[in-house]
C-alpha cells in the first residue's frame, strides 16, 4: 500500500487526482468482481484461518437492509476520505495535511468504543499515541501555521475522520462478508459516485498513453485489490484501531521508496519517526485488545 502515493504521482502526469481515483476504483471493481466469481465457482468452503488472503469465500448469506445501507455507506465514505485528502493537499502544505490524517487511529479508537463497544488496554492506548507522535515527526520541519492553512488542515482532519469511520464499518461487516466482497462494494459504489463529479469537472476520463494505463492498472491491482484486500482480511484477526496504528508505517515506507525511486531526501526525523512508530506498533501488539476474541479463544483451546 505504501507504493500508492508513488504510483499516484506517476498517474497524475497524465490525469487529475479525481481521474486517478476514478480509474483506480473502476479497474479494481472489475478485478474484484472476477476474483469473487472465480472463488464462488471454485471452492465454496469457509475462509481458511491461516494468515493471508485466500480465494475461498465465506458461506453466502443474504444481507439485511442495515447491512446493505452500510455497504453503500462504505463506498461513499471511503471515496469521500480520498477526495478530502486530495483537496486538502491543494489548500495546505503536504506536512500539515499528513499531520491531520495521521490522527485517524485516534478517531478509530473513539468510534470503536462508541459503536462497537470495544474496550482498550492502556498498552494499546500508549502505542496509539506513540505511533501518532512518531508519524508526526515525519515532515515536522515543513509544518506551517497560519489562518490561510486552516481550511486545508480541516479537510485533512475530515479525511482522517472519514477513513476511521470507513475502517470501523468494515470491521462491523467483516464477520459476515469476505474481504473481496466488501472491497468490491467499496470500489464499485465509489466509482459510480465519482462519475458525475468527473463528468462535470474533467475533460478526459482516461489515461492518454499505454504507460498511463499500465501505471493505473498496477495501482488498482497491487495497491487497491491486493493491499486493501489484505487490510480488510486482517480485520478478522485484529481490531480496526490496531490496523490504523499499523498503517502509520505507510508514509514512512513511502518516503523510503521515494528516496530509492525519485532520489528524494530522507531526514533524520524520518528515521527517528520510523523507530518510534515501530515501538508504538510493538506496544499496541502486546495488548490483547488488539486481537479479536476469536483469536484469543483459539490460542487457549
C-alpha atoms as a PDB file:
ATOM      1  CA  UNK A   1       0.000   0.000   0.000  1.00  0.00           C
ATOM      2  CA  UNK A   2       2.968   2.306   0.504  1.00  0.00           C
ATOM      3  CA  UNK A   3       3.542   2.290  -3.263  1.00  0.00           C
ATOM      4  CA  UNK A   4       0.168   4.017  -3.785  1.00  0.00           C
ATOM      5  CA  UNK A   5       1.497   7.563  -3.337  1.00  0.00           C
ATOM      6  CA  UNK A   6       4.333   6.908  -5.799  1.00  0.00           C
ATOM      7  CA  UNK A   7       2.009   5.378  -8.402  1.00  0.00           C
ATOM      8  CA  UNK A   8      -0.491   8.221  -7.937  1.00  0.00           C
ATOM      9  CA  UNK A   9       2.317  10.706  -8.525  1.00  0.00           C
ATOM     10  CA  UNK A  10       3.135   8.943 -11.799  1.00  0.00           C
ATOM     11  CA  UNK A  11      -0.552   8.745 -12.818  1.00  0.00           C
ATOM     12  CA  UNK A  12      -1.034  12.471 -12.236  1.00  0.00           C
ATOM     13  CA  UNK A  13       1.445  13.207 -15.004  1.00  0.00           C
ATOM     14  CA  UNK A  14      -1.451  12.375 -17.359  1.00  0.00           C
ATOM     15  CA  UNK A  15      -4.593  12.675 -15.216  1.00  0.00           C
ATOM     16  CA  UNK A  16      -6.037  14.753 -12.414  1.00  0.00           C
ATOM     17  CA  UNK A  17      -6.309  13.423  -8.863  1.00  0.00           C
ATOM     18  CA  UNK A  18     -10.027  12.721  -9.360  1.00  0.00           C
ATOM     19  CA  UNK A  19      -9.354  10.932 -12.644  1.00  0.00           C
ATOM     20  CA  UNK A  20      -6.697   8.790 -10.993  1.00  0.00           C
ATOM     21  CA  UNK A  21      -9.048   7.765  -8.175  1.00  0.00           C
ATOM     22  CA  UNK A  22     -11.891   7.061 -10.618  1.00  0.00           C
ATOM     23  CA  UNK A  23      -9.787   4.797 -12.860  1.00  0.00           C
ATOM     24  CA  UNK A  24      -8.267   3.088  -9.836  1.00  0.00           C
ATOM     25  CA  UNK A  25     -11.727   2.243  -8.466  1.00  0.00           C
ATOM     26  CA  UNK A  26     -13.463   1.011 -11.628  1.00  0.00           C
ATOM     27  CA  UNK A  27     -10.485  -1.170 -12.608  1.00  0.00           C
ATOM     28  CA  UNK A  28     -10.346  -2.631  -9.120  1.00  0.00           C
ATOM     29  CA  UNK A  29     -14.088  -3.336  -9.106  1.00  0.00           C
ATOM     30  CA  UNK A  30     -13.774  -5.378 -12.323  1.00  0.00           C
ATOM     31  CA  UNK A  31     -10.786  -7.331 -10.966  1.00  0.00           C
ATOM     32  CA  UNK A  32     -12.508  -7.960  -7.640  1.00  0.00           C
ATOM     33  CA  UNK A  33     -15.764  -8.970  -9.336  1.00  0.00           C
ATOM     34  CA  UNK A  34     -13.886 -11.532 -11.414  1.00  0.00           C
ATOM     35  CA  UNK A  35     -11.964 -12.694  -8.352  1.00  0.00           C
ATOM     36  CA  UNK A  36     -15.185 -13.217  -6.388  1.00  0.00           C
ATOM     37  CA  UNK A  37     -16.834 -15.039  -9.312  1.00  0.00           C
ATOM     38  CA  UNK A  38     -13.866 -17.416  -9.657  1.00  0.00           C
ATOM     39  CA  UNK A  39     -13.938 -18.053  -5.901  1.00  0.00           C
ATOM     40  CA  UNK A  40     -17.641 -18.890  -5.929  1.00  0.00           C
ATOM     41  CA  UNK A  41     -17.264 -21.163  -8.948  1.00  0.00           C
ATOM     42  CA  UNK A  42     -14.417 -22.999  -7.243  1.00  0.00           C
ATOM     43  CA  UNK A  43     -14.009 -23.894  -3.597  1.00  0.00           C
ATOM     44  CA  UNK A  44     -17.060 -22.853  -1.542  1.00  0.00           C
ATOM     45  CA  UNK A  45     -15.593 -23.810   1.813  1.00  0.00           C
ATOM     46  CA  UNK A  46     -15.265 -21.121   4.535  1.00  0.00           C
ATOM     47  CA  UNK A  47     -12.186 -18.934   4.635  1.00  0.00           C
ATOM     48  CA  UNK A  48      -9.068 -20.540   5.999  1.00  0.00           C
ATOM     49  CA  UNK A  49      -7.974 -19.467   9.464  1.00  0.00           C
ATOM     50  CA  UNK A  50      -4.371 -19.337   8.259  1.00  0.00           C
ATOM     51  CA  UNK A  51      -2.952 -15.804   7.955  1.00  0.00           C
ATOM     52  CA  UNK A  52      -3.023 -14.439   4.432  1.00  0.00           C
ATOM     53  CA  UNK A  53      -5.541 -13.941   1.684  1.00  0.00           C
ATOM     54  CA  UNK A  54      -7.313 -16.864   0.046  1.00  0.00           C
ATOM     55  CA  UNK A  55      -9.668 -17.245  -2.868  1.00  0.00           C
ATOM     56  CA  UNK A  56     -12.198 -19.120  -0.766  1.00  0.00           C
ATOM     57  CA  UNK A  57     -15.344 -17.375   0.358  1.00  0.00           C
ATOM     58  CA  UNK A  58     -17.486 -17.351   3.454  1.00  0.00           C
ATOM     59  CA  UNK A  59     -20.886 -19.079   3.407  1.00  0.00           C
ATOM     60  CA  UNK A  60     -23.204 -16.948   1.320  1.00  0.00           C
ATOM     61  CA  UNK A  61     -25.772 -15.054   3.377  1.00  0.00           C
ATOM     62  CA  UNK A  62     -28.422 -12.576   2.333  1.00  0.00           C
ATOM     63  CA  UNK A  63     -27.629  -9.102   3.722  1.00  0.00           C
ATOM     64  CA  UNK A  64     -30.394  -7.328   5.583  1.00  0.00           C
ATOM     65  CA  UNK A  65     -31.409  -3.719   4.997  1.00  0.00           C
ATOM     66  CA  UNK A  66     -28.993  -2.381   7.636  1.00  0.00           C
ATOM     67  CA  UNK A  67     -26.061  -4.230   6.089  1.00  0.00           C
ATOM     68  CA  UNK A  68     -26.952  -3.070   2.567  1.00  0.00           C
ATOM     69  CA  UNK A  69     -27.070   0.529   3.813  1.00  0.00           C
ATOM     70  CA  UNK A  70     -23.669   0.111   5.472  1.00  0.00           C
ATOM     71  CA  UNK A  71     -22.195  -1.389   2.291  1.00  0.00           C
ATOM     72  CA  UNK A  72     -23.295   1.695   0.356  1.00  0.00           C
ATOM     73  CA  UNK A  73     -22.004   3.914   3.158  1.00  0.00           C
ATOM     74  CA  UNK A  74     -18.561   2.263   2.962  1.00  0.00           C
ATOM     75  CA  UNK A  75     -18.329   3.175  -0.730  1.00  0.00           C
ATOM     76  CA  UNK A  76     -19.392   6.783  -0.164  1.00  0.00           C
ATOM     77  CA  UNK A  77     -17.295   7.411   2.949  1.00  0.00           C
ATOM     78  CA  UNK A  78     -14.193   5.694   1.565  1.00  0.00           C
ATOM     79  CA  UNK A  79     -14.335   7.831  -1.565  1.00  0.00           C
ATOM     80  CA  UNK A  80     -15.064  10.986   0.466  1.00  0.00           C
ATOM     81  CA  UNK A  81     -11.940  10.333   2.524  1.00  0.00           C
ATOM     82  CA  UNK A  82      -9.768  10.123  -0.604  1.00  0.00           C
ATOM     83  CA  UNK A  83     -11.310  13.288  -2.074  1.00  0.00           C
ATOM     84  CA  UNK A  84     -10.919  15.276   1.166  1.00  0.00           C
ATOM     85  CA  UNK A  85      -7.296  14.151   1.309  1.00  0.00           C
ATOM     86  CA  UNK A  86      -6.668  15.234  -2.288  1.00  0.00           C
ATOM     87  CA  UNK A  87      -8.476  18.565  -1.751  1.00  0.00           C
ATOM     88  CA  UNK A  88      -6.562  19.170   1.465  1.00  0.00           C
ATOM     89  CA  UNK A  89      -3.265  18.868  -0.397  1.00  0.00           C
ATOM     90  CA  UNK A  90      -4.318  21.790  -2.627  1.00  0.00           C
ATOM     91  CA  UNK A  91      -5.281  24.038   0.315  1.00  0.00           C
ATOM     92  CA  UNK A  92      -2.427  23.464   2.768  1.00  0.00           C
ATOM     93  CA  UNK A  93       1.076  22.050   2.908  1.00  0.00           C
ATOM     94  CA  UNK A  94       1.731  18.329   2.491  1.00  0.00           C
ATOM     95  CA  UNK A  95       3.181  18.231   6.028  1.00  0.00           C
ATOM     96  CA  UNK A  96       0.082  19.864   7.544  1.00  0.00           C
ATOM     97  CA  UNK A  97      -2.300  17.589   5.667  1.00  0.00           C
ATOM     98  CA  UNK A  98      -0.306  14.476   6.567  1.00  0.00           C
ATOM     99  CA  UNK A  99      -0.213  15.506  10.222  1.00  0.00           C
ATOM    100  CA  UNK A 100      -4.012  15.821  10.288  1.00  0.00           C
ATOM    101  CA  UNK A 101      -4.570  12.498   8.531  1.00  0.00           C
ATOM    102  CA  UNK A 102      -2.233  10.724  10.943  1.00  0.00           C
ATOM    103  CA  UNK A 103      -4.888  11.274  13.624  1.00  0.00           C
ATOM    104  CA  UNK A 104      -7.087   8.568  12.065  1.00  0.00           C
ATOM    105  CA  UNK A 105      -6.077   5.918  14.695  1.00  0.00           C
ATOM    106  CA  UNK A 106      -7.388   8.219  17.430  1.00  0.00           C
ATOM    107  CA  UNK A 107     -10.743   8.549  15.660  1.00  0.00           C
ATOM    108  CA  UNK A 108     -10.835   4.793  15.024  1.00  0.00           C
ATOM    109  CA  UNK A 109     -10.316   4.147  18.737  1.00  0.00           C
ATOM    110  CA  UNK A 110     -13.109   6.569  19.692  1.00  0.00           C
ATOM    111  CA  UNK A 111     -15.529   5.155  17.102  1.00  0.00           C
ATOM    112  CA  UNK A 112     -14.702   1.579  18.142  1.00  0.00           C
ATOM    113  CA  UNK A 113     -15.537   2.414  21.735  1.00  0.00           C
ATOM    114  CA  UNK A 114     -18.790   4.180  20.852  1.00  0.00           C
ATOM    115  CA  UNK A 115     -20.260   1.981  18.102  1.00  0.00           C
ATOM    116  CA  UNK A 116     -18.553  -1.408  18.596  1.00  0.00           C
ATOM    117  CA  UNK A 117     -18.404  -1.298  22.420  1.00  0.00           C
ATOM    118  CA  UNK A 118     -14.702  -2.099  22.310  1.00  0.00           C
ATOM    119  CA  UNK A 119     -12.541  -1.736  25.407  1.00  0.00           C
ATOM    120  CA  UNK A 120      -8.842  -0.963  25.012  1.00  0.00           C
ATOM    121  CA  UNK A 121      -5.968  -1.670  27.369  1.00  0.00           C
ATOM    122  CA  UNK A 122      -3.567   1.049  28.400  1.00  0.00           C
ATOM    123  CA  UNK A 123      -0.795  -0.547  26.301  1.00  0.00           C
ATOM    124  CA  UNK A 124      -2.800  -0.137  23.114  1.00  0.00           C
ATOM    125  CA  UNK A 125      -3.635   3.476  24.003  1.00  0.00           C
ATOM    126  CA  UNK A 126       0.049   4.120  24.727  1.00  0.00           C
ATOM    127  CA  UNK A 127       1.047   2.513  21.436  1.00  0.00           C
ATOM    128  CA  UNK A 128      -1.537   4.641  19.639  1.00  0.00           C
ATOM    129  CA  UNK A 129      -0.188   7.946  20.914  1.00  0.00           C
ATOM    130  CA  UNK A 130       3.415   6.805  20.460  1.00  0.00           C
ATOM    131  CA  UNK A 131       2.662   5.881  16.834  1.00  0.00           C
ATOM    132  CA  UNK A 132       0.927   9.196  16.162  1.00  0.00           C
ATOM    133  CA  UNK A 133       3.869  11.074  17.678  1.00  0.00           C
ATOM    134  CA  UNK A 134       6.336   9.147  15.520  1.00  0.00           C
ATOM    135  CA  UNK A 135       4.288   9.753  12.381  1.00  0.00           C
ATOM    136  CA  UNK A 136       4.054  13.462  13.238  1.00  0.00           C
ATOM    137  CA  UNK A 137       7.848  13.767  13.267  1.00  0.00           C
ATOM    138  CA  UNK A 138       7.910  12.957   9.551  1.00  0.00           C
ATOM    139  CA  UNK A 139       7.868  16.297   7.755  1.00  0.00           C
ATOM    140  CA  UNK A 140       7.770  18.219  11.049  1.00  0.00           C
ATOM    141  CA  UNK A 141      10.234  20.791   9.662  1.00  0.00           C
ATOM    142  CA  UNK A 142       7.718  21.650   6.937  1.00  0.00           C
ATOM    143  CA  UNK A 143       4.730  22.286   9.237  1.00  0.00           C
ATOM    144  CA  UNK A 144       3.190  25.702   8.507  1.00  0.00           C
ATOM    145  CA  UNK A 145       0.945  27.613  10.896  1.00  0.00           C
ATOM    146  CA  UNK A 146      -1.492  30.315   9.807  1.00  0.00           C
ATOM    147  CA  UNK A 147      -5.143  31.123   9.203  1.00  0.00           C
ATOM    148  CA  UNK A 148      -4.660  30.638   5.465  1.00  0.00           C
ATOM    149  CA  UNK A 149      -3.996  26.930   6.098  1.00  0.00           C
ATOM    150  CA  UNK A 150      -6.990  26.409   8.393  1.00  0.00           C
ATOM    151  CA  UNK A 151      -9.369  25.221   5.665  1.00  0.00           C
ATOM    152  CA  UNK A 152      -6.884  22.725   4.226  1.00  0.00           C
ATOM    153  CA  UNK A 153      -5.986  21.452   7.696  1.00  0.00           C
ATOM    154  CA  UNK A 154      -9.684  20.972   8.424  1.00  0.00           C
ATOM    155  CA  UNK A 155     -10.098  18.942   5.232  1.00  0.00           C
ATOM    156  CA  UNK A 156      -7.161  16.742   6.260  1.00  0.00           C
ATOM    157  CA  UNK A 157      -8.797  16.187   9.638  1.00  0.00           C
ATOM    158  CA  UNK A 158     -12.093  15.341   7.922  1.00  0.00           C
ATOM    159  CA  UNK A 159     -10.257  12.829   5.698  1.00  0.00           C
ATOM    160  CA  UNK A 160      -8.887  11.165   8.846  1.00  0.00           C
ATOM    161  CA  UNK A 161     -12.364  11.007  10.393  1.00  0.00           C
ATOM    162  CA  UNK A 162     -13.883   9.502   7.230  1.00  0.00           C
ATOM    163  CA  UNK A 163     -11.077   6.942   6.997  1.00  0.00           C
ATOM    164  CA  UNK A 164     -11.579   5.925  10.614  1.00  0.00           C
ATOM    165  CA  UNK A 165     -15.337   5.603  10.091  1.00  0.00           C
ATOM    166  CA  UNK A 166     -14.701   3.515   6.970  1.00  0.00           C
ATOM    167  CA  UNK A 167     -12.458   1.110   8.928  1.00  0.00           C
ATOM    168  CA  UNK A 168     -14.981   0.843  11.765  1.00  0.00           C
ATOM    169  CA  UNK A 169     -17.848  -0.040   9.391  1.00  0.00           C
ATOM    170  CA  UNK A 170     -15.679  -2.607   7.603  1.00  0.00           C
ATOM    171  CA  UNK A 171     -14.795  -4.170  10.958  1.00  0.00           C
ATOM    172  CA  UNK A 172     -18.502  -4.419  11.790  1.00  0.00           C
ATOM    173  CA  UNK A 173     -19.328  -6.049   8.427  1.00  0.00           C
ATOM    174  CA  UNK A 174     -16.253  -8.281   8.224  1.00  0.00           C
ATOM    175  CA  UNK A 175     -17.674 -11.306  10.152  1.00  0.00           C
ATOM    176  CA  UNK A 176     -20.471 -11.689   7.586  1.00  0.00           C
ATOM    177  CA  UNK A 177     -18.759 -10.797   4.288  1.00  0.00           C
ATOM    178  CA  UNK A 178     -15.478 -11.792   2.687  1.00  0.00           C
ATOM    179  CA  UNK A 179     -12.747  -9.200   2.216  1.00  0.00           C
ATOM    180  CA  UNK A 180     -13.103  -9.434  -1.582  1.00  0.00           C
ATOM    181  CA  UNK A 181     -16.840  -8.792  -1.489  1.00  0.00           C
ATOM    182  CA  UNK A 182     -16.522  -5.846   0.891  1.00  0.00           C
ATOM    183  CA  UNK A 183     -13.849  -4.221  -1.248  1.00  0.00           C
ATOM    184  CA  UNK A 184     -15.853  -4.893  -4.413  1.00  0.00           C
ATOM    185  CA  UNK A 185     -18.786  -2.925  -2.982  1.00  0.00           C
ATOM    186  CA  UNK A 186     -16.484  -0.152  -1.804  1.00  0.00           C
ATOM    187  CA  UNK A 187     -14.809   0.263  -5.213  1.00  0.00           C
ATOM    188  CA  UNK A 188     -17.967  -0.103  -7.323  1.00  0.00           C
ATOM    189  CA  UNK A 189     -20.046   2.380  -5.324  1.00  0.00           C
ATOM    190  CA  UNK A 190     -17.099   4.776  -5.105  1.00  0.00           C
ATOM    191  CA  UNK A 191     -16.581   4.716  -8.892  1.00  0.00           C
ATOM    192  CA  UNK A 192     -20.294   5.323  -9.524  1.00  0.00           C
ATOM    193  CA  UNK A 193     -20.332   8.190  -7.011  1.00  0.00           C
ATOM    194  CA  UNK A 194     -17.332   9.820  -8.727  1.00  0.00           C
ATOM    195  CA  UNK A 195     -18.777   9.518 -12.225  1.00  0.00           C
ATOM    196  CA  UNK A 196     -20.950  12.702 -12.106  1.00  0.00           C
ATOM    197  CA  UNK A 197     -18.131  14.671 -10.500  1.00  0.00           C
ATOM    198  CA  UNK A 198     -15.537  13.700 -13.080  1.00  0.00           C
ATOM    199  CA  UNK A 199     -18.078  14.260 -15.879  1.00  0.00           C
ATOM    200  CA  UNK A 200     -18.676  17.863 -14.743  1.00  0.00           C
ATOM    201  CA  UNK A 201     -15.107  18.836 -13.845  1.00  0.00           C
ATOM    202  CA  UNK A 202     -12.754  16.903 -16.108  1.00  0.00           C
ATOM    203  CA  UNK A 203     -12.132  16.998 -19.851  1.00  0.00           C
ATOM    204  CA  UNK A 204     -10.775  13.462 -20.011  1.00  0.00           C
ATOM    205  CA  UNK A 205     -11.740  10.318 -18.137  1.00  0.00           C
ATOM    206  CA  UNK A 206      -8.843   8.048 -19.013  1.00  0.00           C
ATOM    207  CA  UNK A 207      -5.034   7.994 -19.435  1.00  0.00           C
ATOM    208  CA  UNK A 208      -3.558   9.123 -22.751  1.00  0.00           C
ATOM    209  CA  UNK A 209      -0.742   6.586 -23.179  1.00  0.00           C
ATOM    210  CA  UNK A 210      -0.026   2.925 -22.555  1.00  0.00           C
ATOM    211  CA  UNK A 211       2.293   3.928 -19.737  1.00  0.00           C
ATOM    212  CA  UNK A 212      -0.560   5.769 -18.052  1.00  0.00           C
ATOM    213  CA  UNK A 213      -2.820   2.727 -18.456  1.00  0.00           C
ATOM    214  CA  UNK A 214      -0.111   0.403 -17.118  1.00  0.00           C
ATOM    215  CA  UNK A 215       0.543   2.622 -14.094  1.00  0.00           C
ATOM    216  CA  UNK A 216      -3.099   2.964 -13.090  1.00  0.00           C
ATOM    217  CA  UNK A 217      -3.606  -0.787 -13.616  1.00  0.00           C
ATOM    218  CA  UNK A 218      -0.718  -1.539 -11.244  1.00  0.00           C
ATOM    219  CA  UNK A 219      -2.202   0.958  -8.783  1.00  0.00           C
ATOM    220  CA  UNK A 220      -5.593  -0.762  -8.976  1.00  0.00           C
ATOM    221  CA  UNK A 221      -4.331  -4.346  -8.847  1.00  0.00           C
ATOM    222  CA  UNK A 222      -1.396  -4.070  -6.435  1.00  0.00           C
ATOM    223  CA  UNK A 223      -2.461  -1.339  -4.002  1.00  0.00           C
ATOM    224  CA  UNK A 224      -6.251  -1.394  -4.216  1.00  0.00           C
ATOM    225  CA  UNK A 225      -7.024  -5.094  -4.778  1.00  0.00           C
ATOM    226  CA  UNK A 226      -4.148  -6.892  -3.088  1.00  0.00           C
ATOM    227  CA  UNK A 227      -3.122  -4.336  -0.447  1.00  0.00           C
ATOM    228  CA  UNK A 228      -6.602  -3.237   0.599  1.00  0.00           C
ATOM    229  CA  UNK A 229      -7.895  -6.833   0.493  1.00  0.00           C
ATOM    230  CA  UNK A 230      -5.198  -7.943   2.910  1.00  0.00           C
ATOM    231  CA  UNK A 231      -6.026  -4.997   5.167  1.00  0.00           C
ATOM    232  CA  UNK A 232      -9.746  -5.856   5.248  1.00  0.00           C
ATOM    233  CA  UNK A 233      -8.971  -9.578   5.585  1.00  0.00           C
ATOM    234  CA  UNK A 234      -6.979  -8.906   8.752  1.00  0.00           C
ATOM    235  CA  UNK A 235      -9.921  -7.100  10.345  1.00  0.00           C
ATOM    236  CA  UNK A 236     -10.999 -10.671  11.122  1.00  0.00           C
ATOM    237  CA  UNK A 237      -7.965 -11.049  13.407  1.00  0.00           C
ATOM    238  CA  UNK A 238      -7.169  -7.532  14.668  1.00  0.00           C
ATOM    239  CA  UNK A 239      -9.198  -4.536  15.782  1.00  0.00           C
ATOM    240  CA  UNK A 240      -9.578  -1.604  13.396  1.00  0.00           C
ATOM    241  CA  UNK A 241      -7.705   0.561  15.918  1.00  0.00           C
ATOM    242  CA  UNK A 242      -4.604  -1.667  15.740  1.00  0.00           C
ATOM    243  CA  UNK A 243      -4.853  -1.758  11.932  1.00  0.00           C
ATOM    244  CA  UNK A 244      -4.985   2.065  11.895  1.00  0.00           C
ATOM    245  CA  UNK A 245      -1.909   2.240  14.151  1.00  0.00           C
ATOM    246  CA  UNK A 246      -0.049  -0.196  11.906  1.00  0.00           C
ATOM    247  CA  UNK A 247      -0.926   1.907   8.850  1.00  0.00           C
ATOM    248  CA  UNK A 248       1.111   4.773  10.316  1.00  0.00           C
ATOM    249  CA  UNK A 249       4.089   2.935   8.784  1.00  0.00           C
ATOM    250  CA  UNK A 250       2.745   3.745   5.318  1.00  0.00           C
ATOM    251  CA  UNK A 251       4.064   7.343   4.950  1.00  0.00           C
ATOM    252  CA  UNK A 252       7.481   6.313   6.271  1.00  0.00           C
ATOM    253  CA  UNK A 253       7.789   3.424   3.820  1.00  0.00           C
ATOM    254  CA  UNK A 254       6.561   5.716   1.044  1.00  0.00           C
ATOM    255  CA  UNK A 255       9.341   8.174   1.914  1.00  0.00           C
ATOM    256  CA  UNK A 256      11.909   5.361   1.739  1.00  0.00           C
ATOM    257  CA  UNK A 257      10.605   4.174  -1.648  1.00  0.00           C
ATOM    258  CA  UNK A 258      10.551   7.769  -2.924  1.00  0.00           C
ATOM    259  CA  UNK A 259      14.181   8.125  -1.835  1.00  0.00           C
ATOM    260  CA  UNK A 260      15.104   4.997  -3.807  1.00  0.00           C
ATOM    261  CA  UNK A 261      12.998   5.743  -6.914  1.00  0.00           C
ATOM    262  CA  UNK A 262      12.928   9.555  -7.157  1.00  0.00           C
ATOM    263  CA  UNK A 263      16.045  10.420  -5.171  1.00  0.00           C
ATOM    264  CA  UNK A 264      14.057  12.436  -2.623  1.00  0.00           C
ATOM    265  CA  UNK A 265      15.854  13.413   0.569  1.00  0.00           C
ATOM    266  CA  UNK A 266      15.411  11.465   3.816  1.00  0.00           C
ATOM    267  CA  UNK A 267      15.905  13.487   7.003  1.00  0.00           C
ATOM    268  CA  UNK A 268      16.973  12.314  10.429  1.00  0.00           C
ATOM    269  CA  UNK A 269      13.420  12.883  11.632  1.00  0.00           C
ATOM    270  CA  UNK A 270      12.217  10.286   9.103  1.00  0.00           C
ATOM    271  CA  UNK A 271      14.448   7.654  10.686  1.00  0.00           C
ATOM    272  CA  UNK A 272      13.523   8.692  14.229  1.00  0.00           C
ATOM    273  CA  UNK A 273       9.825   8.699  13.352  1.00  0.00           C
ATOM    274  CA  UNK A 274      10.139   5.230  11.814  1.00  0.00           C
ATOM    275  CA  UNK A 275      11.691   3.831  15.019  1.00  0.00           C
ATOM    276  CA  UNK A 276       9.061   5.474  17.238  1.00  0.00           C
ATOM    277  CA  UNK A 277       6.213   4.175  15.043  1.00  0.00           C
ATOM    278  CA  UNK A 278       7.633   0.639  15.244  1.00  0.00           C
ATOM    279  CA  UNK A 279       7.843   0.986  19.032  1.00  0.00           C
ATOM    280  CA  UNK A 280       4.218   2.123  19.161  1.00  0.00           C
ATOM    281  CA  UNK A 281       3.101  -0.806  16.994  1.00  0.00           C
ATOM    282  CA  UNK A 282       5.015  -3.273  19.168  1.00  0.00           C
ATOM    283  CA  UNK A 283       3.467  -1.821  22.333  1.00  0.00           C
ATOM    284  CA  UNK A 284      -0.036  -1.992  20.833  1.00  0.00           C
ATOM    285  CA  UNK A 285       0.580  -5.537  19.581  1.00  0.00           C
ATOM    286  CA  UNK A 286       1.322  -6.744  23.133  1.00  0.00           C
ATOM    287  CA  UNK A 287      -2.182  -5.689  24.156  1.00  0.00           C
ATOM    288  CA  UNK A 288      -4.866  -8.367  23.937  1.00  0.00           C
ATOM    289  CA  UNK A 289      -7.378  -5.688  22.907  1.00  0.00           C
ATOM    290  CA  UNK A 290      -5.534  -5.512  19.569  1.00  0.00           C
ATOM    291  CA  UNK A 291      -6.694  -9.053  18.787  1.00  0.00           C
ATOM    292  CA  UNK A 292     -10.171 -10.276  18.058  1.00  0.00           C
ATOM    293  CA  UNK A 293     -11.735 -12.520  20.710  1.00  0.00           C
ATOM    294  CA  UNK A 294     -11.872 -15.413  18.261  1.00  0.00           C
ATOM    295  CA  UNK A 295      -8.083 -15.487  18.136  1.00  0.00           C
ATOM    296  CA  UNK A 296      -7.773 -15.395  21.912  1.00  0.00           C
ATOM    297  CA  UNK A 297     -10.170 -18.304  22.168  1.00  0.00           C
ATOM    298  CA  UNK A 298      -8.234 -20.246  19.510  1.00  0.00           C
ATOM    299  CA  UNK A 299      -4.987 -19.772  21.408  1.00  0.00           C
ATOM    300  CA  UNK A 300      -6.498 -21.040  24.663  1.00  0.00           C
ATOM    301  CA  UNK A 301      -8.032 -24.171  23.112  1.00  0.00           C
END
